[in-house]
Structures are given as structure tokens and as C-alpha cells.
Amino acid sequence: MTIAGTGVVTGDFAQILADMGRTVSWLKVTKTTDAITGTESTSFAAGVDKTVVYFKEDCRYLWDKEGLIQVADAYVLFTPGTISRYDQILVDGFTYYVEEVIQRFVLGVSMVDFCRLFLVKA
């Protein structure tokens, strides 16, 4: 779909994936809470291969009133509406969990999910 008068096409991210994407393993996380005890349990679906744009950073920090706050260990750009907080990404022998998913819009159209990742284990 083309957004009138802009030249922006909703499939533009698909071209970015084709040019810069790489395959990673994505594990969907489901959290449930027991209605009686309140105990939370987590289950992981089997890993699914997904093409994403992945980039790794050395640990970045922001200065806040409370001190230094870690921003993320790596980032991925994901197909909109697919990934959720706490899902896991496996890439190059590293396991990351998704801390934050930010949907990026262009002229009101969801184009990509920008995800901050934290290292779980190497």
C-alpha cells in the first residue's frame, strides 16, 4: 500500500529485511499466573526462524537522576506486531530477552518494531 503523496510504501521494511536481514531463532514466551496461589510460570514455544535486522552494541548507558541506567546489549528490527516483551532471541550463540518493543510508524502506518535486547547467557 502506498501512502498518498509520499512515495512511502508499507512494504518498505520488507526491502530492508531483504537487504540487511539475518536469520535468528525467536522463542515466544507465555506467562501465566495461577488463579489460586498467584504463582507465575513461564513457558517457551519452540524456536522459530525469523529474519530480522540485528545489531549489537557494547553496553550503553544513560545518565539519569538515579545514576547510570543500562540501555541495551543489542537491538533488532522486527516485523510489526509479532514480537512481545520477554520473548527471547537466539543469535550467534547468545540468548537475549526482549525488554522493550517500540512500534515505529511512518505517516500513521506501522512499519517496524524496534526491540531493545538484554543478554541472558552467552
PDB file of N, CA and C in Angstrom:
ATOM      1  N   MET A   1       0.842  -1.164   0.000  1.00  0.00           N
ATOM      2  CA  MET A   1       0.000   0.000   0.000  1.00  0.00           C
ATOM      3  C   MET A   1       0.898   1.241   0.000  1.00  0.00           C
ATOM      4  N   THR A   2       0.614   2.188  -0.867  1.00  0.00           N
ATOM      5  CA  THR A   2       1.360   3.439  -0.924  1.00  0.00           C
ATOM      6  C   THR A   2       0.597   4.508  -0.169  1.00  0.00           C
ATOM      7  N   ILE A   3       1.304   5.270   0.650  1.00  0.00           N
ATOM      8  CA  ILE A   3       0.684   6.356   1.383  1.00  0.00           C
ATOM      9  C   ILE A   3       0.638   7.552   0.445  1.00  0.00           C
ATOM     10  N   ALA A   4      -0.563   8.044   0.180  1.00  0.00           N
ATOM     11  CA  ALA A   4      -0.802   9.061  -0.840  1.00  0.00           C
ATOM     12  C   ALA A   4       0.143  10.255  -0.723  1.00  0.00           C
ATOM     13  N   GLY A   5       0.756  10.604  -1.838  1.00  0.00           N
ATOM     14  CA  GLY A   5       1.570  11.799  -1.945  1.00  0.00           C
ATOM     15  C   GLY A   5       2.936  11.739  -1.270  1.00  0.00           C
ATOM     16  N   THR A   6       3.350  10.557  -0.764  1.00  0.00           N
ATOM     17  CA  THR A   6       4.607  10.496  -0.015  1.00  0.00           C
ATOM     18  C   THR A   6       5.653   9.617  -0.671  1.00  0.00           C
ATOM     19  N   GLY A   7       5.230   8.656  -1.460  1.00  0.00           N
ATOM     20  CA  GLY A   7       6.163   7.691  -2.011  1.00  0.00           C
ATOM     21  C   GLY A   7       6.534   6.610  -1.005  1.00  0.00           C
ATOM     22  N   VAL A   8       5.964   6.673   0.215  1.00  0.00           N
ATOM     23  CA  VAL A   8       6.240   5.674   1.244  1.00  0.00           C
ATOM     24  C   VAL A   8       5.311   4.483   1.015  1.00  0.00           C
ATOM     25  N   VAL A   9       5.900   3.309   0.995  1.00  0.00           N
ATOM     26  CA  VAL A   9       5.141   2.085   0.780  1.00  0.00           C
ATOM     27  C   VAL A   9       5.219   1.250   2.043  1.00  0.00           C
ATOM     28  N   THR A  10       4.085   0.658   2.451  1.00  0.00           N
ATOM     29  CA  THR A  10       4.082  -0.105   3.699  1.00  0.00           C
ATOM     30  C   THR A  10       4.999  -1.315   3.629  1.00  0.00           C
ATOM     31  N   GLY A  11       5.373  -1.755   2.454  1.00  0.00           N
ATOM     32  CA  GLY A  11       6.285  -2.884   2.314  1.00  0.00           C
ATOM     33  C   GLY A  11       7.755  -2.492   2.319  1.00  0.00           C
ATOM     34  N   ASP A  12       8.052  -1.219   2.597  1.00  0.00           N
ATOM     35  CA  ASP A  12       9.452  -0.767   2.580  1.00  0.00           C
ATOM     36  C   ASP A  12      10.330  -1.552   3.545  1.00  0.00           C
ATOM     37  N   PHE A  13       9.805  -1.927   4.704  1.00  0.00           N
ATOM     38  CA  PHE A  13      10.607  -2.681   5.658  1.00  0.00           C
ATOM     39  C   PHE A  13      10.959  -4.056   5.103  1.00  0.00           C
ATOM     40  N   ALA A  14      10.085  -4.625   4.291  1.00  0.00           N
ATOM     41  CA  ALA A  14      10.387  -5.916   3.671  1.00  0.00           C
ATOM     42  C   ALA A  14      11.647  -5.818   2.816  1.00  0.00           C
ATOM     43  N   GLN A  15      11.842  -4.681   2.156  1.00  0.00           N
ATOM     44  CA  GLN A  15      13.047  -4.491   1.353  1.00  0.00           C
ATOM     45  C   GLN A  15      14.280  -4.363   2.240  1.00  0.00           C
ATOM     46  N   ILE A  16      14.140  -3.691   3.372  1.00  0.00           N
ATOM     47  CA  ILE A  16      15.251  -3.575   4.324  1.00  0.00           C
ATOM     48  C   ILE A  16      15.632  -4.960   4.837  1.00  0.00           C
ATOM     49  N   LEU A  17      14.631  -5.791   5.158  1.00  0.00           N
ATOM     50  CA  LEU A  17      14.908  -7.163   5.601  1.00  0.00           C
ATOM     51  C   LEU A  17      15.646  -7.945   4.517  1.00  0.00           C
ATOM     52  N   ALA A  18      15.218  -7.772   3.282  1.00  0.00           N
ATOM     53  CA  ALA A  18      15.856  -8.495   2.187  1.00  0.00           C
ATOM     54  C   ALA A  18      17.317  -8.061   2.021  1.00  0.00           C
ATOM     55  N   ASP A  19      17.596  -6.773   2.228  1.00  0.00           N
ATOM     56  CA  ASP A  19      18.941  -6.245   2.035  1.00  0.00           C
ATOM     57  C   ASP A  19      19.860  -6.488   3.228  1.00  0.00           C
ATOM     58  N   MET A  20      19.347  -6.327   4.445  1.00  0.00           N
ATOM     59  CA  MET A  20      20.193  -6.324   5.638  1.00  0.00           C
ATOM     60  C   MET A  20      19.824  -7.385   6.664  1.00  0.00           C
ATOM     61  N   GLY A  21      18.786  -8.157   6.409  1.00  0.00           N
ATOM     62  CA  GLY A  21      18.287  -9.105   7.398  1.00  0.00           C
ATOM     63  C   GLY A  21      19.173 -10.316   7.574  1.00  0.00           C
ATOM     64  N   ARG A  22      19.020 -10.930   8.721  1.00  0.00           N
ATOM     65  CA  ARG A  22      19.684 -12.198   9.006  1.00  0.00           C
ATOM     66  C   ARG A  22      18.710 -13.069   9.785  1.00  0.00           C
ATOM     67  N   THR A  23      18.933 -14.356   9.747  1.00  0.00           N
ATOM     68  CA  THR A  23      18.021 -15.289  10.397  1.00  0.00           C
ATOM     69  C   THR A  23      18.452 -15.523  11.837  1.00  0.00           C
ATOM     70  N   VAL A  24      17.498 -15.389  12.751  1.00  0.00           N
ATOM     71  CA  VAL A  24      17.712 -15.663  14.168  1.00  0.00           C
ATOM     72  C   VAL A  24      16.612 -16.608  14.624  1.00  0.00           C
ATOM     73  N   SER A  25      16.795 -17.175  15.796  1.00  0.00           N
ATOM     74  CA  SER A  25      15.759 -18.032  16.369  1.00  0.00           C
ATOM     75  C   SER A  25      14.977 -17.218  17.386  1.00  0.00           C
ATOM     76  N   TRP A  26      13.664 -17.246  17.264  1.00  0.00           N
ATOM     77  CA  TRP A  26      12.769 -16.458  18.117  1.00  0.00           C
ATOM     78  C   TRP A  26      11.919 -17.414  18.941  1.00  0.00           C
ATOM     79  N   LEU A  27      11.936 -17.243  20.263  1.00  0.00           N
ATOM     80  CA  LEU A  27      11.127 -18.072  21.154  1.00  0.00           C
ATOM     81  C   LEU A  27      10.040 -17.204  21.778  1.00  0.00           C
ATOM     82  N   LYS A  28       8.802 -17.530  21.475  1.00  0.00           N
ATOM     83  CA  LYS A  28       7.657 -16.817  22.030  1.00  0.00           C
ATOM     84  C   LYS A  28       7.466 -17.248  23.472  1.00  0.00           C
ATOM     85  N   VAL A  29       7.308 -16.273  24.360  1.00  0.00           N
ATOM     86  CA  VAL A  29       7.150 -16.542  25.787  1.00  0.00           C
ATOM     87  C   VAL A  29       5.689 -16.355  26.179  1.00  0.00           C
ATOM     88  N   THR A  30       5.192 -17.288  26.985  1.00  0.00           N
ATOM     89  CA  THR A  30       3.850 -17.167  27.535  1.00  0.00           C
ATOM     90  C   THR A  30       3.962 -17.191  29.047  1.00  0.00           C
ATOM     91  N   LYS A  31       3.423 -16.164  29.687  1.00  0.00           N
ATOM     92  CA  LYS A  31       3.423 -16.093  31.147  1.00  0.00           C
ATOM     93  C   LYS A  31       1.998 -16.306  31.629  1.00  0.00           C
ATOM     94  N   THR A  32       1.852 -17.194  32.613  1.00  0.00           N
ATOM     95  CA  THR A  32       0.549 -17.437  33.211  1.00  0.00           C
ATOM     96  C   THR A  32       0.650 -17.299  34.724  1.00  0.00           C
ATOM     97  N   THR A  33      -0.439 -16.899  35.331  1.00  0.00           N
ATOM     98  CA  THR A  33      -0.495 -16.748  36.779  1.00  0.00           C
ATOM     99  C   THR A  33      -1.576 -17.657  37.316  1.00  0.00           C
ATOM    100  N   ASP A  34      -1.217 -18.479  38.296  1.00  0.00           N
ATOM    101  CA  ASP A  34      -2.168 -19.382  38.929  1.00  0.00           C
ATOM    102  C   ASP A  34      -3.222 -18.554  39.662  1.00  0.00           C
ATOM    103  N   ALA A  35      -4.489 -18.824  39.392  1.00  0.00           N
ATOM    104  CA  ALA A  35      -5.583 -18.041  39.969  1.00  0.00           C
ATOM    105  C   ALA A  35      -5.687 -18.206  41.484  1.00  0.00           C
ATOM    106  N   ILE A  36      -5.226 -19.321  42.013  1.00  0.00           N
ATOM    107  CA  ILE A  36      -5.365 -19.568  43.451  1.00  0.00           C
ATOM    108  C   ILE A  36      -4.127 -19.097  44.208  1.00  0.00           C
ATOM    109  N   THR A  37      -2.946 -19.514  43.762  1.00  0.00           N
ATOM    110  CA  THR A  37      -1.722 -19.198  44.502  1.00  0.00           C
ATOM    111  C   THR A  37      -1.056 -17.898  44.056  1.00  0.00           C
ATOM    112  N   GLY A  38      -1.362 -17.452  42.845  1.00  0.00           N
ATOM    113  CA  GLY A  38      -0.711 -16.265  42.314  1.00  0.00           C
ATOM    114  C   GLY A  38       0.685 -16.528  41.786  1.00  0.00           C
ATOM    115  N   THR A  39       1.085 -17.803  41.759  1.00  0.00           N
ATOM    116  CA  THR A  39       2.405 -18.181  41.264  1.00  0.00           C
ATOM    117  C   THR A  39       2.469 -17.965  39.757  1.00  0.00           C
ATOM    118  N   GLU A  40       3.518 -17.295  39.333  1.00  0.00           N
ATOM    119  CA  GLU A  40       3.702 -17.032  37.911  1.00  0.00           C
ATOM    120  C   GLU A  40       4.579 -18.113  37.294  1.00  0.00           C
ATOM    121  N   SER A  41       4.189 -18.607  36.128  1.00  0.00           N
ATOM    122  CA  SER A  41       5.015 -19.583  35.420  1.00  0.00           C
ATOM    123  C   SER A  41       5.236 -19.106  33.986  1.00  0.00           C
ATOM    124  N   THR A  42       6.373 -19.487  33.449  1.00  0.00           N
ATOM    125  CA  THR A  42       6.765 -19.061  32.108  1.00  0.00           C
ATOM    126  C   THR A  42       6.991 -20.292  31.253  1.00  0.00           C
ATOM    127  N   SER A  43       6.486 -20.254  30.033  1.00  0.00           N
ATOM    128  CA  SER A  43       6.751 -21.343  29.095  1.00  0.00           C
ATOM    129  C   SER A  43       7.212 -20.740  27.775  1.00  0.00           C
ATOM    130  N   PHE A  44       8.075 -21.479  27.094  1.00  0.00           N
ATOM    131  CA  PHE A  44       8.639 -21.018  25.833  1.00  0.00           C
ATOM    132  C   PHE A  44       8.165 -21.934  24.715  1.00  0.00           C
ATOM    133  N   ALA A  45       7.726 -21.347  23.630  1.00  0.00           N
ATOM    134  CA  ALA A  45       7.377 -22.127  22.446  1.00  0.00           C
ATOM    135  C   ALA A  45       8.676 -22.576  21.785  1.00  0.00           C
ATOM    136  N   ALA A  46       8.579 -23.535  20.896  1.00  0.00           N
ATOM    137  CA  ALA A  46       9.760 -23.980  20.150  1.00  0.00           C
ATOM    138  C   ALA A  46      10.291 -22.816  19.323  1.00  0.00           C
ATOM    139  N   GLY A  47      11.599 -22.770  19.148  1.00  0.00           N
ATOM    140  CA  GLY A  47      12.221 -21.694  18.379  1.00  0.00           C
ATOM    141  C   GLY A  47      11.757 -21.686  16.935  1.00  0.00           C
ATOM    142  N   VAL A  48      11.513 -20.493  16.426  1.00  0.00           N
ATOM    143  CA  VAL A  48      11.092 -20.307  15.042  1.00  0.00           C
ATOM    144  C   VAL A  48      12.114 -19.388  14.380  1.00  0.00           C
ATOM    145  N   ASP A  49      12.547 -19.737  13.180  1.00  0.00           N
ATOM    146  CA  ASP A  49      13.480 -18.874  12.464  1.00  0.00           C
ATOM    147  C   ASP A  49      12.746 -17.647  11.938  1.00  0.00           C
ATOM    148  N   LYS A  50      13.323 -16.483  12.191  1.00  0.00           N
ATOM    149  CA  LYS A  50      12.773 -15.215  11.714  1.00  0.00           C
ATOM    150  C   LYS A  50      13.900 -14.404  11.104  1.00  0.00           C
ATOM    151  N   THR A  51      13.581 -13.644  10.095  1.00  0.00           N
ATOM    152  CA  THR A  51      14.549 -12.725   9.511  1.00  0.00           C
ATOM    153  C   THR A  51      14.350 -11.367  10.152  1.00  0.00           C
ATOM    154  N   VAL A  52      15.418 -10.840  10.727  1.00  0.00           N
ATOM    155  CA  VAL A  52      15.382  -9.557  11.421  1.00  0.00           C
ATOM    156  C   VAL A  52      16.626  -8.760  11.050  1.00  0.00           C
ATOM    157  N   VAL A  53      16.616  -7.492  11.386  1.00  0.00           N
ATOM    158  CA  VAL A  53      17.831  -6.686  11.319  1.00  0.00           C
ATOM    159  C   VAL A  53      18.357  -6.645  12.745  1.00  0.00           C
ATOM    160  N   TYR A  54      19.549  -7.199  12.954  1.00  0.00           N
ATOM    161  CA  TYR A  54      20.148  -7.337  14.284  1.00  0.00           C
ATOM    162  C   TYR A  54      21.392  -6.480  14.344  1.00  0.00           C
ATOM    163  N   PHE A  55      21.547  -5.734  15.419  1.00  0.00           N
ATOM    164  CA  PHE A  55      22.806  -5.030  15.621  1.00  0.00           C
ATOM    165  C   PHE A  55      23.159  -5.048  17.095  1.00  0.00           C
ATOM    166  N   LYS A  56      24.432  -5.305  17.337  1.00  0.00           N
ATOM    167  CA  LYS A  56      24.945  -5.458  18.694  1.00  0.00           C
ATOM    168  C   LYS A  56      25.730  -4.217  19.067  1.00  0.00           C
ATOM    169  N   GLU A  57      25.579  -3.831  20.297  1.00  0.00           N
ATOM    170  CA  GLU A  57      26.294  -2.672  20.818  1.00  0.00           C
ATOM    171  C   GLU A  57      27.081  -3.131  22.029  1.00  0.00           C
ATOM    172  N   ASP A  58      28.161  -2.443  22.316  1.00  0.00           N
ATOM    173  CA  ASP A  58      28.736  -2.612  23.634  1.00  0.00           C
ATOM    174  C   ASP A  58      27.704  -2.025  24.584  1.00  0.00           C
ATOM    175  N   CYS A  59      27.740  -2.431  25.825  1.00  0.00           N
ATOM    176  CA  CYS A  59      26.759  -1.947  26.790  1.00  0.00           C
ATOM    177  C   CYS A  59      26.670  -0.429  26.732  1.00  0.00           C
ATOM    178  N   ARG A  60      25.485   0.090  26.525  1.00  0.00           N
ATOM    179  CA  ARG A  60      25.271   1.529  26.515  1.00  0.00           C
ATOM    180  C   ARG A  60      24.522   1.927  27.776  1.00  0.00           C
ATOM    181  N   TYR A  61      24.799   3.118  28.241  1.00  0.00           N
ATOM    182  CA  TYR A  61      24.172   3.610  29.461  1.00  0.00           C
ATOM    183  C   TYR A  61      23.653   5.022  29.251  1.00  0.00           C
ATOM    184  N   LEU A  62      22.595   5.340  29.971  1.00  0.00           N
ATOM    185  CA  LEU A  62      22.081   6.698  30.035  1.00  0.00           C
ATOM    186  C   LEU A  62      22.332   7.225  31.431  1.00  0.00           C
ATOM    187  N   TRP A  63      22.580   8.521  31.522  1.00  0.00           N
ATOM    188  CA  TRP A  63      22.718   9.132  32.839  1.00  0.00           C
ATOM    189  C   TRP A  63      21.359   9.638  33.256  1.00  0.00           C
ATOM    190  N   ASP A  64      20.889   9.186  34.405  1.00  0.00           N
ATOM    191  CA  ASP A  64      19.600   9.594  34.943  1.00  0.00           C
ATOM    192  C   ASP A  64      19.829  10.110  36.353  1.00  0.00           C
ATOM    193  N   LYS A  65      18.816  10.669  36.966  1.00  0.00           N
ATOM    194  CA  LYS A  65      18.956  11.170  38.339  1.00  0.00           C
ATOM    195  C   LYS A  65      19.459  10.088  39.289  1.00  0.00           C
ATOM    196  N   GLU A  66      19.012   8.859  39.041  1.00  0.00           N
ATOM    197  CA  GLU A  66      19.381   7.741  39.909  1.00  0.00           C
ATOM    198  C   GLU A  66      20.781   7.220  39.630  1.00  0.00           C
ATOM    199  N   GLY A  67      21.390   7.656  38.555  1.00  0.00           N
ATOM    200  CA  GLY A  67      22.722   7.177  38.192  1.00  0.00           C
ATOM    201  C   GLY A  67      22.720   6.618  36.788  1.00  0.00           C
ATOM    202  N   LEU A  68      23.647   5.714  36.515  1.00  0.00           N
ATOM    203  CA  LEU A  68      23.736   5.114  35.193  1.00  0.00           C
ATOM    204  C   LEU A  68      22.693   4.021  35.033  1.00  0.00           C
ATOM    205  N   ILE A  69      21.994   4.042  33.906  1.00  0.00           N
ATOM    206  CA  ILE A  69      20.981   3.031  33.607  1.00  0.00           C
ATOM    207  C   ILE A  69      21.378   2.368  32.296  1.00  0.00           C
ATOM    208  N   GLN A  70      21.446   1.040  32.330  1.00  0.00           N
ATOM    209  CA  GLN A  70      21.811   0.309  31.118  1.00  0.00           C
ATOM    210  C   GLN A  70      20.682   0.413  30.104  1.00  0.00           C
ATOM    211  N   VAL A  71      21.024   0.723  28.859  1.00  0.00           N
ATOM    212  CA  VAL A  71      20.025   0.889  27.813  1.00  0.00           C
ATOM    213  C   VAL A  71      19.715  -0.448  27.151  1.00  0.00           C
ATOM    214  N   ALA A  72      20.727  -1.146  26.634  1.00  0.00           N
ATOM    215  CA  ALA A  72      20.520  -2.438  25.980  1.00  0.00           C
ATOM    216  C   ALA A  72      21.863  -3.045  25.603  1.00  0.00           C
ATOM    217  N   ASP A  73      21.847  -4.369  25.355  1.00  0.00           N
ATOM    218  CA  ASP A  73      23.041  -5.064  24.874  1.00  0.00           C
ATOM    219  C   ASP A  73      23.023  -5.224  23.362  1.00  0.00           C
ATOM    220  N   ALA A  74      21.821  -5.280  22.783  1.00  0.00           N
ATOM    221  CA  ALA A  74      21.670  -5.423  21.334  1.00  0.00           C
ATOM    222  C   ALA A  74      20.268  -4.950  20.963  1.00  0.00           C
ATOM    223  N   TYR A  75      20.041  -4.846  19.668  1.00  0.00           N
ATOM    224  CA  TYR A  75      18.757  -4.383  19.164  1.00  0.00           C
ATOM    225  C   TYR A  75      18.359  -5.230  17.964  1.00  0.00           C
ATOM    226  N   VAL A  76      17.059  -5.362  17.727  1.00  0.00           N
ATOM    227  CA  VAL A  76      16.567  -5.965  16.495  1.00  0.00           C
ATOM    228  C   VAL A  76      15.420  -5.125  15.962  1.00  0.00           C
ATOM    229  N   LEU A  77      15.304  -5.143  14.652  1.00  0.00           N
ATOM    230  CA  LEU A  77      14.150  -4.580  13.974  1.00  0.00           C
ATOM    231  C   LEU A  77      13.333  -5.768  13.500  1.00  0.00           C
ATOM    232  N   PHE A  78      12.073  -5.807  13.889  1.00  0.00           N
ATOM    233  CA  PHE A  78      11.224  -6.980  13.707  1.00  0.00           C
ATOM    234  C   PHE A  78       9.989  -6.593  12.915  1.00  0.00           C
ATOM    235  N   THR A  79       9.360  -7.568  12.273  1.00  0.00           N
ATOM    236  CA  THR A  79       8.102  -7.359  11.572  1.00  0.00           C
ATOM    237  C   THR A  79       7.064  -6.834  12.566  1.00  0.00           C
ATOM    238  N   PRO A  80       6.330  -5.797  12.223  1.00  0.00           N
ATOM    239  CA  PRO A  80       5.386  -5.182  13.171  1.00  0.00           C
ATOM    240  C   PRO A  80       4.352  -6.152  13.725  1.00  0.00           C
ATOM    241  N   GLY A  81       4.090  -6.017  15.028  1.00  0.00           N
ATOM    242  CA  GLY A  81       3.020  -6.766  15.671  1.00  0.00           C
ATOM    243  C   GLY A  81       3.298  -8.221  15.959  1.00  0.00           C
ATOM    244  N   THR A  82       4.539  -8.660  15.864  1.00  0.00           N
ATOM    245  CA  THR A  82       4.865 -10.075  16.038  1.00  0.00           C
ATOM    246  C   THR A  82       5.488 -10.367  17.391  1.00  0.00           C
ATOM    247  N   ILE A  83       6.459  -9.594  17.774  1.00  0.00           N
ATOM    248  CA  ILE A  83       7.260  -9.869  18.961  1.00  0.00           C
ATOM    249  C   ILE A  83       6.693  -9.155  20.184  1.00  0.00           C
ATOM    250  N   SER A  84       6.943  -9.718  21.363  1.00  0.00           N
ATOM    251  CA  SER A  84       6.438  -9.145  22.610  1.00  0.00           C
ATOM    252  C   SER A  84       7.555  -9.063  23.644  1.00  0.00           C
ATOM    253  N   ARG A  85       7.311  -8.279  24.676  1.00  0.00           N
ATOM    254  CA  ARG A  85       8.255  -8.179  25.788  1.00  0.00           C
ATOM    255  C   ARG A  85       8.450  -9.564  26.405  1.00  0.00           C
ATOM    256  N   TYR A  86       9.666  -9.858  26.816  1.00  0.00           N
ATOM    257  CA  TYR A  86      10.106 -11.108  27.437  1.00  0.00           C
ATOM    258  C   TYR A  86      10.323 -12.249  26.448  1.00  0.00           C
ATOM    259  N   ASP A  87       9.963 -12.093  25.178  1.00  0.00           N
ATOM    260  CA  ASP A  87      10.314 -13.115  24.194  1.00  0.00           C
ATOM    261  C   ASP A  87      11.829 -13.221  24.166  1.00  0.00           C
ATOM    262  N   GLN A  88      12.342 -14.320  23.614  1.00  0.00           N
ATOM    263  CA  GLN A  88      13.782 -14.495  23.541  1.00  0.00           C
ATOM    264  C   GLN A  88      14.236 -14.614  22.096  1.00  0.00           C
ATOM    265  N   ILE A  89      15.453 -14.105  21.859  1.00  0.00           N
ATOM    266  CA  ILE A  89      16.093 -14.161  20.548  1.00  0.00           C
ATOM    267  C   ILE A  89      17.431 -14.874  20.733  1.00  0.00           C
ATOM    268  N   LEU A  90      17.698 -15.876  19.907  1.00  0.00           N
ATOM    269  CA  LEU A  90      18.981 -16.578  19.933  1.00  0.00           C
ATOM    270  C   LEU A  90      19.733 -16.233  18.656  1.00  0.00           C
ATOM    271  N   VAL A  91      20.953 -15.690  18.825  1.00  0.00           N
ATOM    272  CA  VAL A  91      21.755 -15.316  17.669  1.00  0.00           C
ATOM    273  C   VAL A  91      23.233 -15.473  18.013  1.00  0.00           C
ATOM    274  N   ASP A  92      23.969 -16.118  17.138  1.00  0.00           N
ATOM    275  CA  ASP A  92      25.417 -16.317  17.300  1.00  0.00           C
ATOM    276  C   ASP A  92      25.791 -16.931  18.648  1.00  0.00           C
ATOM    277  N   GLY A  93      24.978 -17.837  19.155  1.00  0.00           N
ATOM    278  CA  GLY A  93      25.273 -18.485  20.426  1.00  0.00           C
ATOM    279  C   GLY A  93      24.907 -17.662  21.651  1.00  0.00           C
ATOM    280  N   PHE A  94      24.300 -16.511  21.455  1.00  0.00           N
ATOM    281  CA  PHE A  94      23.873 -15.658  22.560  1.00  0.00           C
ATOM    282  C   PHE A  94      22.356 -15.704  22.681  1.00  0.00           C
ATOM    283  N   THR A  95      21.882 -15.682  23.919  1.00  0.00           N
ATOM    284  CA  THR A  95      20.448 -15.628  24.176  1.00  0.00           C
ATOM    285  C   THR A  95      20.125 -14.273  24.788  1.00  0.00           C
ATOM    286  N   TYR A  96      19.182 -13.581  24.173  1.00  0.00           N
ATOM    287  CA  TYR A  96      18.738 -12.274  24.651  1.00  0.00           C
ATOM    288  C   TYR A  96      17.258 -12.348  24.992  1.00  0.00           C
ATOM    289  N   TYR A  97      16.832 -11.521  25.945  1.00  0.00           N
ATOM    290  CA  TYR A  97      15.397 -11.370  26.133  1.00  0.00           C
ATOM    291  C   TYR A  97      15.006  -9.962  25.711  1.00  0.00           C
ATOM    292  N   VAL A  98      13.772  -9.830  25.242  1.00  0.00           N
ATOM    293  CA  VAL A  98      13.261  -8.560  24.756  1.00  0.00           C
ATOM    294  C   VAL A  98      12.757  -7.764  25.947  1.00  0.00           C
ATOM    295  N   GLU A  99      13.374  -6.627  26.186  1.00  0.00           N
ATOM    296  CA  GLU A  99      12.970  -5.771  27.296  1.00  0.00           C
ATOM    297  C   GLU A  99      11.890  -4.790  26.876  1.00  0.00           C
ATOM    298  N   GLU A 100      11.989  -4.278  25.665  1.00  0.00           N
ATOM    299  CA  GLU A 100      11.047  -3.257  25.226  1.00  0.00           C
ATOM    300  C   GLU A 100      10.808  -3.380  23.730  1.00  0.00           C
ATOM    301  N   VAL A 101       9.561  -3.204  23.336  1.00  0.00           N
ATOM    302  CA  VAL A 101       9.191  -3.194  21.925  1.00  0.00           C
ATOM    303  C   VAL A 101       8.570  -1.836  21.624  1.00  0.00           C
ATOM    304  N   ILE A 102       9.167  -1.133  20.676  1.00  0.00           N
ATOM    305  CA  ILE A 102       8.661   0.184  20.298  1.00  0.00           C
ATOM    306  C   ILE A 102       8.220   0.107  18.841  1.00  0.00           C
ATOM    307  N   GLN A 103       6.943   0.340  18.598  1.00  0.00           N
ATOM    308  CA  GLN A 103       6.455   0.343  17.224  1.00  0.00           C
ATOM    309  C   GLN A 103       6.812   1.670  16.573  1.00  0.00           C
ATOM    310  N   ARG A 104       7.380   1.581  15.379  1.00  0.00           N
ATOM    311  CA  ARG A 104       7.735   2.772  14.628  1.00  0.00           C
ATOM    312  C   ARG A 104       6.719   2.960  13.497  1.00  0.00           C
ATOM    313  N   PHE A 105       6.189   4.151  13.417  1.00  0.00           N
ATOM    314  CA  PHE A 105       5.179   4.473  12.417  1.00  0.00           C
ATOM    315  C   PHE A 105       5.729   5.490  11.432  1.00  0.00           C
ATOM    316  N   VAL A 106       5.317   5.374  10.184  1.00  0.00           N
ATOM    317  CA  VAL A 106       5.606   6.377   9.178  1.00  0.00           C
ATOM    318  C   VAL A 106       4.264   6.852   8.658  1.00  0.00           C
ATOM    319  N   LEU A 107       3.965   8.119   8.908  1.00  0.00           N
ATOM    320  CA  LEU A 107       2.702   8.719   8.479  1.00  0.00           C
ATOM    321  C   LEU A 107       1.503   7.881   8.909  1.00  0.00           C
ATOM    322  N   GLY A 108       1.543   7.415  10.156  1.00  0.00           N
ATOM    323  CA  GLY A 108       0.423   6.674  10.724  1.00  0.00           C
ATOM    324  C   GLY A 108       0.369   5.197  10.388  1.00  0.00           C
ATOM    325  N   VAL A 109       1.339   4.691   9.636  1.00  0.00           N
ATOM    326  CA  VAL A 109       1.361   3.279   9.255  1.00  0.00           C
ATOM    327  C   VAL A 109       2.483   2.584  10.023  1.00  0.00           C
ATOM    328  N   SER A 110       2.157   1.480  10.723  1.00  0.00           N
ATOM    329  CA  SER A 110       3.158   0.719  11.465  1.00  0.00           C
ATOM    330  C   SER A 110       4.124   0.066  10.483  1.00  0.00           C
ATOM    331  N   MET A 111       5.409   0.436  10.585  1.00  0.00           N
ATOM    332  CA  MET A 111       6.397  -0.068   9.632  1.00  0.00           C
ATOM    333  C   MET A 111       7.328  -1.113  10.230  1.00  0.00           C
ATOM    334  N   VAL A 112       7.689  -0.975  11.526  1.00  0.00           N
ATOM    335  CA  VAL A 112       8.685  -1.860  12.111  1.00  0.00           C
ATOM    336  C   VAL A 112       8.570  -1.809  13.632  1.00  0.00           C
ATOM    337  N   ASP A 113       8.918  -2.914  14.292  1.00  0.00           N
ATOM    338  CA  ASP A 113       9.053  -2.936  15.744  1.00  0.00           C
ATOM    339  C   ASP A 113      10.535  -2.868  16.081  1.00  0.00           C
ATOM    340  N   PHE A 114      10.926  -1.872  16.861  1.00  0.00           N
ATOM    341  CA  PHE A 114      12.299  -1.683  17.314  1.00  0.00           C
ATOM    342  C   PHE A 114      12.383  -2.280  18.717  1.00  0.00           C
ATOM    343  N   CYS A 115      13.259  -3.272  18.914  1.00  0.00           N
ATOM    344  CA  CYS A 115      13.308  -4.005  20.181  1.00  0.00           C
ATOM    345  C   CYS A 115      14.663  -3.840  20.857  1.00  0.00           C
ATOM    346  N   ARG A 116      14.610  -3.538  22.161  1.00  0.00           N
ATOM    347  CA  ARG A 116      15.830  -3.497  22.972  1.00  0.00           C
ATOM    348  C   ARG A 116      16.017  -4.866  23.595  1.00  0.00           C
ATOM    349  N   LEU A 117      17.244  -5.404  23.502  1.00  0.00           N
ATOM    350  CA  LEU A 117      17.539  -6.747  23.992  1.00  0.00           C
ATOM    351  C   LEU A 117      18.575  -6.691  25.104  1.00  0.00           C
ATOM    352  N   PHE A 118      18.414  -7.586  26.078  1.00  0.00           N
ATOM    353  CA  PHE A 118      19.405  -7.757  27.143  1.00  0.00           C
ATOM    354  C   PHE A 118      19.901  -9.197  27.107  1.00  0.00           C
ATOM    355  N   LEU A 119      21.200  -9.351  27.303  1.00  0.00           N
ATOM    356  CA  LEU A 119      21.841 -10.654  27.268  1.00  0.00           C
ATOM    357  C   LEU A 119      21.415 -11.492  28.462  1.00  0.00           C
ATOM    358  N   VAL A 120      20.985 -12.721  28.171  1.00  0.00           N
ATOM    359  CA  VAL A 120      20.631 -13.673  29.214  1.00  0.00           C
ATOM    360  C   VAL A 120      21.812 -14.587  29.477  1.00  0.00           C
ATOM    361  N   LYS A 121      22.351 -15.193  28.417  1.00  0.00           N
ATOM    362  CA  LYS A 121      23.528 -16.059  28.564  1.00  0.00           C
ATOM    363  C   LYS A 121      24.263 -16.167  27.243  1.00  0.00           C
ATOM    364  N   ALA A 122      25.563 -16.363  27.350  1.00  0.00           N
ATOM    365  CA  ALA A 122      26.398 -16.491  26.161  1.00  0.00           C
ATOM    366  C   ALA A 122      26.725 -17.944  25.933  1.00  0.00           C
TER     367      ALA A 122
END
